[in-house]
Every structure is written in structure tokens, then in C-alpha cells.
């Protein structure tokens, strides 16, 4: 059964924390990650997601959680 990493990648995490969390999950064998979005400025969410995509590459699936937003 496919699973994804749901911890970490928090809305309040810095870019460095997101990168570190993502790298740790990839090392553990996860092939999908969930990132929280919902910053006050859409541009900040876009920057975070783009940085995450750059970090994990095209093969890892990304899931966005808007925190009931």
C-alpha cells in the first residue's frame, strides 16, 4: 500500500527545516510528501513548494494540505 510522509513540512517551518525534513523522509524511503500551505501571501506558499520540488526531484509526489483553509 502506498504511504506518504505526513509529519514535518509544517506551515511554520523555515525553508531550511522543510529541506531537511524532506531529505530525511526520502532517506527513509518515502516516495510522497505532504506539505502544509496557507501562508498569508500566496507567493510564500509558491516559493516553499517550488523549493521542496527542487529538493526532492520530479519522481517524488507532493501533496498540499491547506489546513481547512
Protein backbone atom coordinates (compact mmCIF):
# COMPACT_ATOMS: atom_id res chain seq x y z
CA UNK A 1 0.00 0.00 0.00
CA UNK A 2 1.46 3.39 -0.94
CA UNK A 3 2.14 5.69 2.00
CA UNK A 4 3.27 9.29 2.29
CA UNK A 5 5.16 11.26 4.92
CA UNK A 6 2.65 13.41 6.75
CA UNK A 7 4.72 14.78 9.63
CA UNK A 8 7.03 17.75 9.31
CA UNK A 9 6.89 20.22 6.42
CA UNK A 10 4.75 22.39 8.69
CA UNK A 11 3.29 25.75 7.80
CA UNK A 12 5.56 27.41 10.35
CA UNK A 13 8.70 25.58 9.21
CA UNK A 14 11.50 27.57 7.65
CA UNK A 15 12.75 26.70 4.17
CA UNK A 16 15.81 25.08 5.73
CA UNK A 17 13.62 22.95 8.00
CA UNK A 18 11.44 21.88 5.06
CA UNK A 19 14.50 20.86 3.05
CA UNK A 20 15.97 18.93 5.97
CA UNK A 21 12.66 17.17 6.74
CA UNK A 22 12.17 16.26 3.08
CA UNK A 23 15.68 14.85 2.74
CA UNK A 24 15.17 12.77 5.89
CA UNK A 25 11.89 11.33 4.57
CA UNK A 26 13.45 10.47 1.22
CA UNK A 27 16.27 8.65 3.02
CA UNK A 28 13.63 6.65 4.90
CA UNK A 29 12.17 5.54 1.58
CA UNK A 30 9.07 7.71 1.23
CA UNK A 31 8.07 8.49 -2.34
CA UNK A 32 5.39 11.06 -1.46
CA UNK A 33 5.36 14.01 0.95
CA UNK A 34 2.64 16.28 2.30
CA UNK A 35 3.42 19.97 2.81
CA UNK A 36 1.17 22.41 4.59
CA UNK A 37 0.19 25.55 2.71
CA UNK A 38 -1.82 28.60 3.72
CA UNK A 39 0.68 31.40 4.25
CA UNK A 40 -0.87 34.88 4.33
CA UNK A 41 0.85 35.59 0.98
CA UNK A 42 0.33 33.09 -1.85
CA UNK A 43 3.81 33.93 -3.14
CA UNK A 44 5.30 32.49 0.05
CA UNK A 45 3.46 29.18 -0.43
CA UNK A 46 4.61 29.03 -4.04
CA UNK A 47 8.23 29.66 -3.02
CA UNK A 48 8.08 26.89 -0.41
CA UNK A 49 6.52 24.34 -2.76
CA UNK A 50 8.98 25.16 -5.56
CA UNK A 51 11.90 24.76 -3.15
CA UNK A 52 10.51 21.43 -1.98
CA UNK A 53 10.10 20.23 -5.59
CA UNK A 54 13.68 21.32 -6.34
CA UNK A 55 14.89 19.40 -3.28
CA UNK A 56 13.09 16.10 -3.86
CA UNK A 57 13.08 16.00 -7.68
CA UNK A 58 10.34 15.05 -10.12
CA UNK A 59 9.83 11.44 -9.01
CA UNK A 60 8.51 12.25 -5.53
CA UNK A 61 4.79 13.03 -5.31
CA UNK A 62 3.85 16.20 -3.46
CA UNK A 63 0.57 16.62 -1.60
CA UNK A 64 -0.64 20.00 -0.34
CA UNK A 65 -2.68 20.36 2.84
CA UNK A 66 -4.41 23.75 3.12
CA UNK A 67 -5.25 23.20 6.81
CA UNK A 68 -9.01 23.56 6.30
CA UNK A 69 -8.27 26.86 4.56
